[in-house]
Amino acid sequence: MKNRKITWVIALFALVVTFSNCNKMDLYPTNQYTDENFWLSASNADLMVNMAYNQMYSADKMWNDEALSDNVFEGRSNTNQRIIRNGNADPTLERFKTEWKDAYGGLKTCHIYLDNVDRVPNMPDALKAQRKAEIRFIRAYIYFRLVNFYGAVPFATTDITLEQSKTMPRTSKNEILSFVHSELDEVMQLLPSKNNLSGLDKARTTKAAACALQARAYLYESNWAKVATYTDSLINNQDKFGSYSLFPSYPGLFTVANEYNSEVILDYGYLINKKHGVSIIMLRRLLWGLTLMLMRRCRDL
């Protein structure tokens, strides 16, 4: 009888230990984020927005894009850009693969954010709406870049699985551009004006950036009437889009002292001495002078 009691005690103890261990295995990791706990913080969500900005455009993209033209001459090595520029590229070139990979990596970030941001507790509705609009702008920009590189490409507006990606057909360039134009028109109403931003938020996407990208997209389609419509709106509705004007000094555009100056609509900037000791603030600009030139040309046609 005594031995039977001891056996029951041992069995009960083993059962308790077993269930205790099972409970511990179900606990979330305390040293890393998971899909379950990442979206419990608005600051975490903002980190993903920052990542999407970097995937939209980066320093490497800027220099490599410039090297496709005569703005940057690469004379020491036979880079992918130099091969393309010399007309010697073929489909095996690494640049074609990395451009595709980077674009869809950025799109996945955008889709994951849009699919999950509503789970973030205590995030002000106005801030959430603005961040969603920023992400939608980034997504539109990436699709615009994709179709101008590749034409018809796989297209989705939500996150897809690996299996889905293997069977997804290509969508025509015109259909994707139609989506880009629709998105930019919508986010243009949701994004803030430049005049309402301060501090580091001045680097974020604005109504004017969406309007300028809309004009640029129509320019690539040779739709001069639409280009004139959006550039005219940007110039003559600065109470809505923000105050812009030509900066008096072209060299001054590139100095730290003139960061976020009156000519900048959207740019890519560096912190001082963080990139090979070089401070470059305006690496990508939508020049007001170009806008005026396009508008005059459209009216002359």
Protein backbone atom coordinates (compact mmCIF):
# COMPACT_ATOMS: atom_id res chain seq x y z
CA MET A 1 0.00 0.00 0.00
CA LYS A 2 2.81 2.33 0.88
CA ASN A 3 4.60 1.57 -2.36
CA ARG A 4 1.40 2.31 -4.33
CA LYS A 5 1.13 5.75 -2.70
CA ILE A 6 4.73 6.49 -3.54
CA THR A 7 4.06 5.46 -7.15
CA TRP A 8 1.06 7.80 -7.36
CA VAL A 9 3.09 10.67 -5.92
CA ILE A 10 5.85 10.12 -8.46
CA ALA A 11 3.33 9.92 -11.30
CA LEU A 12 1.61 13.12 -10.16
CA PHE A 13 4.95 14.90 -9.87
CA ALA A 14 5.94 13.79 -13.38
CA LEU A 15 2.59 15.01 -14.72
CA VAL A 16 3.04 18.43 -13.12
CA VAL A 17 6.57 18.73 -14.50
CA THR A 18 5.37 17.71 -17.96
CA PHE A 19 2.61 20.31 -18.08
CA SER A 20 4.92 22.94 -16.60
CA ASN A 21 7.43 22.34 -19.37
CA CYS A 22 4.69 22.51 -22.00
CA ASN A 23 3.58 25.89 -20.68
CA LYS A 24 7.11 27.20 -20.83
CA MET A 25 7.48 26.07 -24.43
CA ASP A 26 4.41 28.12 -25.37
CA LEU A 27 5.84 31.36 -24.00
CA TYR A 28 6.98 34.01 -26.49
CA PRO A 29 10.75 34.58 -26.75
CA THR A 30 11.90 37.36 -24.44
CA ASN A 31 14.96 38.27 -26.49
CA GLN A 32 13.39 38.71 -29.93
CA TYR A 33 10.21 39.78 -31.67
CA THR A 34 7.69 37.44 -33.26
CA ASP A 35 4.65 38.03 -35.47
CA GLU A 36 2.57 37.91 -32.30
CA ASN A 37 4.36 40.56 -30.23
CA PHE A 38 6.01 42.84 -32.81
CA TRP A 39 2.80 44.73 -33.56
CA LEU A 40 2.16 45.62 -29.93
CA SER A 41 4.31 48.74 -30.27
CA ALA A 42 3.85 51.85 -32.44
CA SER A 43 7.61 52.42 -32.37
CA ASN A 44 8.15 48.95 -33.85
CA ALA A 45 5.68 49.76 -36.61
CA ASP A 46 7.61 52.96 -37.38
CA LEU A 47 10.82 50.95 -37.71
CA MET A 48 9.17 49.01 -40.53
CA VAL A 49 8.16 52.28 -42.22
CA ASN A 50 11.77 53.43 -42.02
CA MET A 51 12.90 50.16 -43.59
CA ALA A 52 10.41 50.63 -46.43
CA TYR A 53 11.83 54.10 -47.14
CA ASN A 54 15.30 52.61 -47.46
CA GLN A 55 14.00 49.87 -49.76
CA MET A 56 12.27 52.47 -51.92
CA TYR A 57 15.53 54.32 -52.57
CA SER A 58 19.04 54.04 -51.19
CA ALA A 59 22.51 55.44 -51.70
CA ASP A 60 23.55 52.43 -53.76
CA LYS A 61 20.50 52.81 -56.01
CA MET A 62 21.27 56.47 -56.50
CA TRP A 63 24.90 55.94 -57.53
CA ASN A 64 24.10 52.91 -59.69
CA ASP A 65 21.27 54.73 -61.44
CA GLU A 66 23.52 57.70 -62.15
CA ALA A 67 26.16 55.34 -63.56
CA LEU A 68 23.64 54.14 -66.15
CA SER A 69 23.82 57.63 -67.62
CA ASP A 70 26.70 59.97 -68.37
CA ASN A 71 26.36 61.64 -64.98
CA VAL A 72 28.84 59.18 -63.42
CA PHE A 73 31.73 57.69 -65.39
CA GLU A 74 33.10 54.36 -64.19
CA GLY A 75 36.53 53.98 -65.70
CA ARG A 76 38.32 51.58 -63.40
CA SER A 77 36.14 48.48 -63.35
CA ASN A 78 33.66 46.77 -65.61
CA THR A 79 30.59 47.16 -63.39
CA ASN A 80 27.08 46.02 -64.30
CA GLN A 81 26.13 49.62 -64.98
CA ARG A 82 29.06 50.09 -67.36
CA ILE A 83 28.15 46.87 -69.20
CA ILE A 84 24.57 48.10 -69.64
CA ARG A 85 25.70 51.57 -70.72
CA ASN A 86 28.05 50.07 -73.32
CA GLY A 87 25.26 47.93 -74.76
CA ASN A 88 26.87 44.61 -73.78
CA ALA A 89 24.32 43.38 -71.22
CA ASP A 90 22.51 40.05 -71.43
CA PRO A 91 19.80 38.48 -69.21
CA THR A 92 22.39 36.87 -66.91
CA LEU A 93 23.63 40.24 -65.65
CA GLU A 94 23.48 40.43 -61.84
CA ARG A 95 21.95 43.93 -61.84
CA PHE A 96 18.76 42.62 -63.42
CA LYS A 97 18.34 39.99 -60.70
CA THR A 98 19.14 42.24 -57.75
CA GLU A 99 16.85 45.01 -59.01
CA TRP A 100 13.98 42.51 -59.14
CA LYS A 101 14.82 41.04 -55.73
CA ASP A 102 15.15 44.42 -54.03
CA ALA A 103 11.86 45.66 -55.48
CA TYR A 104 9.86 42.69 -54.30
CA GLY A 105 11.56 42.82 -50.92
CA GLY A 106 10.33 46.39 -50.58
CA LEU A 107 6.82 45.45 -51.72
CA LYS A 108 6.68 42.66 -49.14
CA THR A 109 7.58 45.13 -46.40
CA CYS A 110 4.78 47.44 -47.54
CA HIS A 111 2.23 44.64 -47.68
CA ILE A 112 3.15 43.23 -44.29
CA TYR A 113 2.84 46.71 -42.79
CA LEU A 114 -0.56 47.39 -44.35
CA ASP A 115 -1.82 43.94 -43.35
CA ASN A 116 -0.79 44.34 -39.69
CA VAL A 117 -0.64 47.99 -38.63
CA ASP A 118 -4.27 47.98 -37.48
CA ARG A 119 -3.21 45.54 -34.76
CA VAL A 120 -1.05 48.21 -33.09
CA PRO A 121 -2.79 49.35 -29.88
CA ASN A 122 -3.02 52.99 -28.78
CA MET A 123 -1.67 54.33 -32.07
CA PRO A 124 -3.47 57.60 -32.89
CA ASP A 125 -5.79 57.26 -35.86
CA ALA A 126 -4.33 60.33 -37.60
CA LEU A 127 -0.78 58.99 -37.31
CA LYS A 128 -1.85 55.56 -38.50
CA ALA A 129 -3.58 57.07 -41.54
CA GLN A 130 -0.47 59.11 -42.40
CA ARG A 131 1.87 56.14 -42.10
CA LYS A 132 -0.42 54.01 -44.26
CA ALA A 133 -0.38 56.76 -46.89
CA GLU A 134 3.44 56.89 -46.75
CA ILE A 135 3.66 53.13 -47.26
CA ARG A 136 1.19 53.26 -50.15
CA PHE A 137 3.31 55.99 -51.76
CA ILE A 138 6.43 53.84 -51.36
CA ARG A 139 4.62 50.86 -52.87
CA ALA A 140 3.46 52.96 -55.83
CA TYR A 141 7.02 54.24 -56.36
CA ILE A 142 8.44 50.69 -56.34
CA TYR A 143 5.83 49.45 -58.83
CA PHE A 144 6.55 52.48 -61.03
CA ARG A 145 10.24 51.62 -60.99
CA LEU A 146 9.55 47.93 -61.62
CA VAL A 147 7.41 48.37 -64.72
CA ASN A 148 9.86 50.84 -66.22
CA PHE A 149 12.62 48.27 -65.83
CA TYR A 150 10.72 45.11 -66.76
CA GLY A 151 7.34 45.97 -68.29
CA ALA A 152 4.72 43.41 -67.18
CA VAL A 153 5.50 42.00 -63.72
CA PRO A 154 3.73 39.97 -61.01
CA PHE A 155 1.35 42.26 -59.16
CA ALA A 156 -0.33 42.02 -55.74
CA THR A 157 -1.69 44.45 -53.16
CA THR A 158 -1.41 42.12 -50.14
CA ASP A 159 1.31 39.84 -48.86
CA ILE A 160 1.54 36.54 -50.72
CA THR A 161 2.95 33.15 -49.78
CA LEU A 162 6.00 31.53 -51.31
CA GLU A 163 3.80 29.02 -53.13
CA GLN A 164 1.62 31.79 -54.57
CA SER A 165 4.70 33.62 -55.83
CA LYS A 166 5.70 30.58 -57.91
CA THR A 167 2.48 30.56 -59.93
CA MET A 168 1.52 34.24 -60.07
CA PRO A 169 1.24 35.50 -63.65
CA ARG A 170 2.51 38.87 -64.85
CA THR A 171 0.20 41.87 -64.97
CA SER A 172 0.48 44.30 -67.86
CA LYS A 173 2.45 47.51 -67.45
CA ASN A 174 -0.59 49.64 -68.29
CA GLU A 175 -2.71 47.96 -65.60
CA ILE A 176 -0.05 48.47 -62.96
CA LEU A 177 0.46 52.09 -63.98
CA SER A 178 -3.29 52.60 -63.66
CA PHE A 179 -3.01 51.33 -60.09
CA VAL A 180 -0.04 53.65 -59.44
CA HIS A 181 -1.99 56.69 -60.66
CA SER A 182 -5.03 55.74 -58.58
CA GLU A 183 -2.93 55.22 -55.44
CA LEU A 184 -1.10 58.52 -55.83
CA ASP A 185 -4.36 60.42 -56.28
CA GLU A 186 -5.72 58.87 -53.07
CA VAL A 187 -2.64 59.26 -50.87
CA MET A 188 -2.24 62.84 -52.10
CA GLN A 189 -5.32 63.67 -50.06
CA LEU A 190 -4.03 61.82 -46.96
CA LEU A 191 -0.40 62.90 -46.79
CA PRO A 192 0.56 66.11 -44.94
CA SER A 193 1.68 69.34 -46.52
CA LYS A 194 5.35 70.24 -46.23
CA ASN A 195 4.30 73.30 -44.22
CA ASN A 196 2.83 71.07 -41.49
CA LEU A 197 6.00 69.06 -40.89
CA SER A 198 8.91 69.89 -38.61
CA GLY A 199 12.15 68.35 -37.39
CA LEU A 200 13.01 64.94 -38.78
CA ASP A 201 9.50 64.56 -40.15
CA LYS A 202 10.49 67.00 -42.92
CA ALA A 203 12.13 64.02 -44.63
CA ARG A 204 8.80 62.17 -44.93
CA THR A 205 6.63 61.92 -48.00
CA THR A 206 4.21 64.79 -48.56
CA LYS A 207 1.30 65.74 -50.78
CA ALA A 208 3.73 67.50 -53.09
CA ALA A 209 5.88 64.39 -53.45
CA ALA A 210 2.83 62.37 -54.49
CA CYS A 211 1.80 65.07 -56.96
CA ALA A 212 5.31 65.31 -58.42
CA LEU A 213 5.62 61.54 -58.80
CA GLN A 214 2.23 61.52 -60.49
CA ALA A 215 3.51 64.08 -63.00
CA ARG A 216 6.68 62.07 -63.53
CA ALA A 217 4.74 58.86 -64.15
CA TYR A 218 2.57 60.58 -66.75
CA LEU A 219 5.70 62.11 -68.30
CA TYR A 220 7.08 58.61 -68.87
CA GLU A 221 3.83 57.77 -70.65
CA SER A 222 4.07 60.94 -72.82
CA ASN A 223 0.72 62.08 -71.43
CA TRP A 224 1.51 65.79 -71.67
CA ALA A 225 -1.95 66.96 -70.69
CA LYS A 226 -1.79 65.09 -67.37
CA VAL A 227 1.76 66.31 -66.75
CA ALA A 228 0.55 69.89 -67.20
CA THR A 229 -2.44 69.29 -64.92
CA TYR A 230 -0.39 68.02 -61.99
CA THR A 231 2.55 70.41 -62.34
CA ASP A 232 0.13 73.33 -62.64
CA SER A 233 -1.67 72.16 -59.51
CA LEU A 234 1.61 71.84 -57.63
CA ILE A 235 2.71 75.34 -58.62
CA ASN A 236 -0.56 77.16 -58.08
CA ASN A 237 -1.92 75.42 -54.97
CA GLN A 238 0.88 75.92 -52.50
CA ASP A 239 -1.62 76.48 -49.72
CA LYS A 240 -2.43 72.78 -50.18
CA PHE A 241 0.91 71.29 -51.18
CA GLY A 242 3.33 73.55 -49.32
CA SER A 243 5.57 76.47 -50.20
CA TYR A 244 8.21 75.77 -52.86
CA SER A 245 10.44 77.97 -54.99
CA LEU A 246 13.74 77.85 -56.85
CA PHE A 247 16.68 78.05 -54.46
CA PRO A 248 18.92 81.00 -55.39
CA SER A 249 22.18 79.00 -55.32
CA TYR A 250 22.56 75.72 -57.22
CA PRO A 251 25.74 74.67 -55.33
CA GLY A 252 23.97 75.66 -52.13
CA LEU A 253 21.40 72.92 -52.72
CA PHE A 254 23.99 70.37 -51.67
CA THR A 255 25.13 71.87 -48.37
CA VAL A 256 24.10 70.86 -44.88
CA ALA A 257 23.15 74.41 -44.02
CA ASN A 258 20.42 74.36 -46.68
CA GLU A 259 18.91 70.99 -45.87
CA TYR A 260 15.16 70.88 -46.65
CA ASN A 261 15.42 74.15 -48.55
CA SER A 262 12.62 75.70 -50.60
CA GLU A 263 13.43 73.67 -53.75
CA VAL A 264 13.34 70.22 -52.20
CA ILE A 265 10.17 68.19 -52.74
CA LEU A 266 11.62 64.78 -51.90
CA ASP A 267 15.27 63.91 -51.43
CA TYR A 268 17.65 61.31 -50.08
CA GLY A 269 20.10 62.65 -47.51
CA TYR A 270 23.12 61.57 -45.52
CA LEU A 271 24.22 62.39 -42.03
CA ILE A 272 27.57 64.20 -41.94
CA ASN A 273 30.63 61.95 -42.17
CA LYS A 274 28.58 58.76 -42.23
CA LYS A 275 29.43 57.79 -45.82
CA HIS A 276 33.12 57.86 -46.76
CA GLY A 277 33.47 61.20 -44.97
CA VAL A 278 31.32 62.93 -47.56
CA SER A 279 28.27 64.98 -46.70
CA ILE A 280 25.68 64.84 -49.48
CA ILE A 281 22.24 66.18 -48.75
CA MET A 282 20.52 66.47 -52.12
CA LEU A 283 21.16 63.25 -53.96
CA ARG A 284 17.77 63.09 -55.52
CA ARG A 285 15.66 66.13 -56.34
CA LEU A 286 12.54 66.96 -58.26
CA LEU A 287 13.68 70.33 -59.55
CA TRP A 288 11.21 73.15 -59.60
CA GLY A 289 12.86 74.44 -62.76
CA LEU A 290 12.13 71.11 -64.51
CA THR A 291 8.51 71.43 -63.47
CA LEU A 292 8.29 74.89 -65.00
CA MET A 293 9.99 73.72 -68.18
CA LEU A 294 7.60 70.79 -68.58
CA MET A 295 4.62 73.00 -67.96
CA ARG A 296 5.73 75.50 -70.61
CA ARG A 297 6.38 72.69 -73.08
CA CYS A 298 2.97 71.15 -72.48
CA ARG A 299 1.24 74.48 -73.10
CA ASP A 300 3.21 74.95 -76.33
CA LEU A 301 2.06 71.61 -77.73
